[in-house]
Amino acid sequence: MYPTKGPAIGGGLATTGVAIQSWLLVGIGLVLLGAALWLATFVSRPR
């Protein structure tokens, strides 16, 4: 009903939710990247 951007009623709440969602995606991506790097070093380490 309301636009996601602009000074509409509930617009601030919508933008905050989008920001939280994007930050969650960024955090999950960083965790996955760190796990992949750790796994790569763990596998490539000489026995």
PDB file of N, CA and C in Angstrom:
ATOM      1  N   MET A   1       0.842  -1.185   0.000  1.00  0.00           N
ATOM      2  CA  MET A   1       0.000   0.000   0.000  1.00  0.00           C
ATOM      3  C   MET A   1       0.880   1.239   0.000  1.00  0.00           C
ATOM      4  N   TYR A   2       1.763   1.323   0.983  1.00  0.00           N
ATOM      5  CA  TYR A   2       2.657   2.479   1.055  1.00  0.00           C
ATOM      6  C   TYR A   2       3.917   2.215   0.227  1.00  0.00           C
ATOM      7  N   PRO A   3       4.505   3.271  -0.310  1.00  0.00           N
ATOM      8  CA  PRO A   3       5.791   3.099  -1.008  1.00  0.00           C
ATOM      9  C   PRO A   3       6.898   2.764  -0.015  1.00  0.00           C
ATOM     10  N   THR A   4       7.861   1.953  -0.443  1.00  0.00           N
ATOM     11  CA  THR A   4       8.935   1.558   0.462  1.00  0.00           C
ATOM     12  C   THR A   4       9.878   2.723   0.720  1.00  0.00           C
ATOM     13  N   LYS A   5       9.936   3.690  -0.199  1.00  0.00           N
ATOM     14  CA  LYS A   5      10.812   4.840   0.002  1.00  0.00           C
ATOM     15  C   LYS A   5       9.959   6.093   0.061  1.00  0.00           C
ATOM     16  N   GLY A   6      10.442   7.086   0.804  1.00  0.00           N
ATOM     17  CA  GLY A   6       9.699   8.334   0.898  1.00  0.00           C
ATOM     18  C   GLY A   6       9.137   8.525   2.285  1.00  0.00           C
ATOM     19  N   PRO A   7       8.740   9.743   2.608  1.00  0.00           N
ATOM     20  CA  PRO A   7       8.212  10.046   3.948  1.00  0.00           C
ATOM     21  C   PRO A   7       6.768   9.593   4.107  1.00  0.00           C
ATOM     22  N   ALA A   8       6.526   8.306   3.955  1.00  0.00           N
ATOM     23  CA  ALA A   8       5.176   7.782   4.122  1.00  0.00           C
ATOM     24  C   ALA A   8       5.039   7.184   5.515  1.00  0.00           C
ATOM     25  N   ILE A   9       3.801   6.930   5.934  1.00  0.00           N
ATOM     26  CA  ILE A   9       3.568   6.325   7.240  1.00  0.00           C
ATOM     27  C   ILE A   9       4.086   4.882   7.199  1.00  0.00           C
ATOM     28  N   GLY A  10       4.996   4.566   8.103  1.00  0.00           N
ATOM     29  CA  GLY A  10       5.580   3.237   8.107  1.00  0.00           C
ATOM     30  C   GLY A  10       6.759   3.122   7.150  1.00  0.00           C
ATOM     31  N   GLY A  11       7.118   4.192   6.465  1.00  0.00           N
ATOM     32  CA  GLY A  11       8.245   4.133   5.540  1.00  0.00           C
ATOM     33  C   GLY A  11       9.553   3.929   6.275  1.00  0.00           C
ATOM     34  N   GLY A  12       9.700   4.597   7.430  1.00  0.00           N
ATOM     35  CA  GLY A  12      10.926   4.435   8.205  1.00  0.00           C
ATOM     36  C   GLY A  12      11.088   3.008   8.677  1.00  0.00           C
ATOM     37  N   LEU A  13       9.974   2.396   9.098  1.00  0.00           N
ATOM     38  CA  LEU A  13      10.026   1.011   9.563  1.00  0.00           C
ATOM     39  C   LEU A  13      10.432   0.086   8.424  1.00  0.00           C
ATOM     40  N   ALA A  14       9.891   0.338   7.226  1.00  0.00           N
ATOM     41  CA  ALA A  14      10.218  -0.507   6.079  1.00  0.00           C
ATOM     42  C   ALA A  14      11.694  -0.381   5.730  1.00  0.00           C
ATOM     43  N   THR A  15      12.215   0.851   5.724  1.00  0.00           N
ATOM     44  CA  THR A  15      13.628   1.033   5.375  1.00  0.00           C
ATOM     45  C   THR A  15      14.514   0.391   6.437  1.00  0.00           C
ATOM     46  N   THR A  16      14.099   0.471   7.711  1.00  0.00           N
ATOM     47  CA  THR A  16      14.899  -0.159   8.766  1.00  0.00           C
ATOM     48  C   THR A  16      14.917  -1.673   8.579  1.00  0.00           C
ATOM     49  N   GLY A  17      13.779  -2.255   8.237  1.00  0.00           N
ATOM     50  CA  GLY A  17      13.722  -3.693   8.007  1.00  0.00           C
ATOM     51  C   GLY A  17      14.604  -4.102   6.839  1.00  0.00           C
ATOM     52  N   VAL A  18      14.583  -3.310   5.768  1.00  0.00           N
ATOM     53  CA  VAL A  18      15.424  -3.617   4.603  1.00  0.00           C
ATOM     54  C   VAL A  18      16.891  -3.523   4.984  1.00  0.00           C
ATOM     55  N   ALA A  19      17.253  -2.506   5.789  1.00  0.00           N
ATOM     56  CA  ALA A  19      18.651  -2.342   6.205  1.00  0.00           C
ATOM     57  C   ALA A  19      19.085  -3.529   7.058  1.00  0.00           C
ATOM     58  N   ILE A  20      18.221  -3.951   7.987  1.00  0.00           N
ATOM     59  CA  ILE A  20      18.559  -5.092   8.848  1.00  0.00           C
ATOM     60  C   ILE A  20      18.717  -6.352   8.003  1.00  0.00           C
ATOM     61  N   GLN A  21      17.830  -6.521   7.009  1.00  0.00           N
ATOM     62  CA  GLN A  21      17.899  -7.705   6.158  1.00  0.00           C
ATOM     63  C   GLN A  21      19.200  -7.712   5.362  1.00  0.00           C
ATOM     64  N   SER A  22      19.572  -6.550   4.806  1.00  0.00           N
ATOM     65  CA  SER A  22      20.803  -6.488   4.011  1.00  0.00           C
ATOM     66  C   SER A  22      22.021  -6.739   4.892  1.00  0.00           C
ATOM     67  N   TRP A  23      22.011  -6.183   6.122  1.00  0.00           N
ATOM     68  CA  TRP A  23      23.153  -6.409   7.018  1.00  0.00           C
ATOM     69  C   TRP A  23      23.242  -7.876   7.420  1.00  0.00           C
ATOM     70  N   LEU A  24      22.076  -8.535   7.584  1.00  0.00           N
ATOM     71  CA  LEU A  24      22.088  -9.966   7.901  1.00  0.00           C
ATOM     72  C   LEU A  24      22.699 -10.758   6.749  1.00  0.00           C
ATOM     73  N   LEU A  25      22.326 -10.377   5.504  1.00  0.00           N
ATOM     74  CA  LEU A  25      22.887 -11.066   4.341  1.00  0.00           C
ATOM     75  C   LEU A  25      24.391 -10.862   4.277  1.00  0.00           C
ATOM     76  N   VAL A  26      24.842  -9.631   4.570  1.00  0.00           N
ATOM     77  CA  VAL A  26      26.284  -9.344   4.554  1.00  0.00           C
ATOM     78  C   VAL A  26      26.996 -10.185   5.614  1.00  0.00           C
ATOM     79  N   GLY A  27      26.404 -10.257   6.812  1.00  0.00           N
ATOM     80  CA  GLY A  27      27.021 -11.029   7.887  1.00  0.00           C
ATOM     81  C   GLY A  27      27.105 -12.507   7.538  1.00  0.00           C
ATOM     82  N   ILE A  28      26.030 -13.052   6.969  1.00  0.00           N
ATOM     83  CA  ILE A  28      26.038 -14.466   6.583  1.00  0.00           C
ATOM     84  C   ILE A  28      27.088 -14.707   5.505  1.00  0.00           C
ATOM     85  N   GLY A  29      27.198 -13.772   4.555  1.00  0.00           N
ATOM     86  CA  GLY A  29      28.198 -13.909   3.497  1.00  0.00           C
ATOM     87  C   GLY A  29      29.609 -13.901   4.059  1.00  0.00           C
ATOM     88  N   LEU A  30      29.855 -13.011   5.037  1.00  0.00           N
ATOM     89  CA  LEU A  30      31.193 -12.947   5.641  1.00  0.00           C
ATOM     90  C   LEU A  30      31.504 -14.238   6.392  1.00  0.00           C
ATOM     91  N   VAL A  31      30.517 -14.768   7.102  1.00  0.00           N
ATOM     92  CA  VAL A  31      30.729 -16.017   7.842  1.00  0.00           C
ATOM     93  C   VAL A  31      31.036 -17.160   6.874  1.00  0.00           C
ATOM     94  N   LEU A  32      30.274 -17.216   5.772  1.00  0.00           N
ATOM     95  CA  LEU A  32      30.515 -18.274   4.788  1.00  0.00           C
ATOM     96  C   LEU A  32      31.890 -18.116   4.161  1.00  0.00           C
ATOM     97  N   LEU A  33      32.287 -16.869   3.884  1.00  0.00           N
ATOM     98  CA  LEU A  33      33.602 -16.629   3.286  1.00  0.00           C
ATOM     99  C   LEU A  33      34.707 -17.062   4.245  1.00  0.00           C
ATOM    100  N   GLY A  34      34.564 -16.710   5.514  1.00  0.00           N
ATOM    101  CA  GLY A  34      35.568 -17.105   6.500  1.00  0.00           C
ATOM    102  C   GLY A  34      35.646 -18.616   6.643  1.00  0.00           C
ATOM    103  N   ALA A  35      34.497 -19.276   6.657  1.00  0.00           N
ATOM    104  CA  ALA A  35      34.493 -20.736   6.772  1.00  0.00           C
ATOM    105  C   ALA A  35      35.150 -21.372   5.551  1.00  0.00           C
ATOM    106  N   ALA A  36      34.889 -20.824   4.363  1.00  0.00           N
ATOM    107  CA  ALA A  36      35.491 -21.376   3.144  1.00  0.00           C
ATOM    108  C   ALA A  36      37.006 -21.191   3.168  1.00  0.00           C
ATOM    109  N   LEU A  37      37.466 -20.015   3.616  1.00  0.00           N
ATOM    110  CA  LEU A  37      38.911 -19.769   3.691  1.00  0.00           C
ATOM    111  C   LEU A  37      39.562 -20.710   4.701  1.00  0.00           C
ATOM    112  N   TRP A  38      38.916 -20.876   5.867  1.00  0.00           N
ATOM    113  CA  TRP A  38      39.468 -21.777   6.885  1.00  0.00           C
ATOM    114  C   TRP A  38      39.526 -23.211   6.363  1.00  0.00           C
ATOM    115  N   LEU A  39      38.469 -23.615   5.664  1.00  0.00           N
ATOM    116  CA  LEU A  39      38.433 -24.971   5.122  1.00  0.00           C
ATOM    117  C   LEU A  39      39.525 -25.149   4.066  1.00  0.00           C
ATOM    118  N   ALA A  40      39.743 -24.125   3.240  1.00  0.00           N
ATOM    119  CA  ALA A  40      40.777 -24.215   2.204  1.00  0.00           C
ATOM    120  C   ALA A  40      42.156 -24.363   2.836  1.00  0.00           C
ATOM    121  N   THR A  41      42.441 -23.567   3.862  1.00  0.00           N
ATOM    122  CA  THR A  41      43.750 -23.664   4.519  1.00  0.00           C
ATOM    123  C   THR A  41      43.874 -25.008   5.242  1.00  0.00           C
ATOM    124  N   PHE A  42      42.775 -25.483   5.822  1.00  0.00           N
ATOM    125  CA  PHE A  42      42.801 -26.755   6.550  1.00  0.00           C
ATOM    126  C   PHE A  42      43.071 -27.921   5.599  1.00  0.00           C
ATOM    127  N   VAL A  43      42.464 -27.860   4.406  1.00  0.00           N
ATOM    128  CA  VAL A  43      42.623 -28.956   3.442  1.00  0.00           C
ATOM    129  C   VAL A  43      43.995 -28.893   2.782  1.00  0.00           C
ATOM    130  N   SER A  44      44.469 -27.682   2.458  1.00  0.00           N
ATOM    131  CA  SER A  44      45.738 -27.551   1.733  1.00  0.00           C
ATOM    132  C   SER A  44      46.940 -27.709   2.661  1.00  0.00           C
ATOM    133  N   ARG A  45      46.707 -27.769   3.978  1.00  0.00           N
ATOM    134  CA  ARG A  45      47.821 -27.921   4.914  1.00  0.00           C
ATOM    135  C   ARG A  45      48.455 -29.305   4.748  1.00  0.00           C
ATOM    136  N   PRO A  46      49.781 -29.378   4.696  1.00  0.00           N
ATOM    137  CA  PRO A  46      50.426 -30.693   4.535  1.00  0.00           C
ATOM    138  C   PRO A  46      50.163 -31.579   5.742  1.00  0.00           C
ATOM    139  N   ARG A  47      49.972 -32.841   5.473  1.00  0.00           N
ATOM    140  CA  ARG A  47      49.664 -33.784   6.544  1.00  0.00           C
ATOM    141  C   ARG A  47      50.881 -33.980   7.442  1.00  0.00           C
TER     142      ARG A  47
END
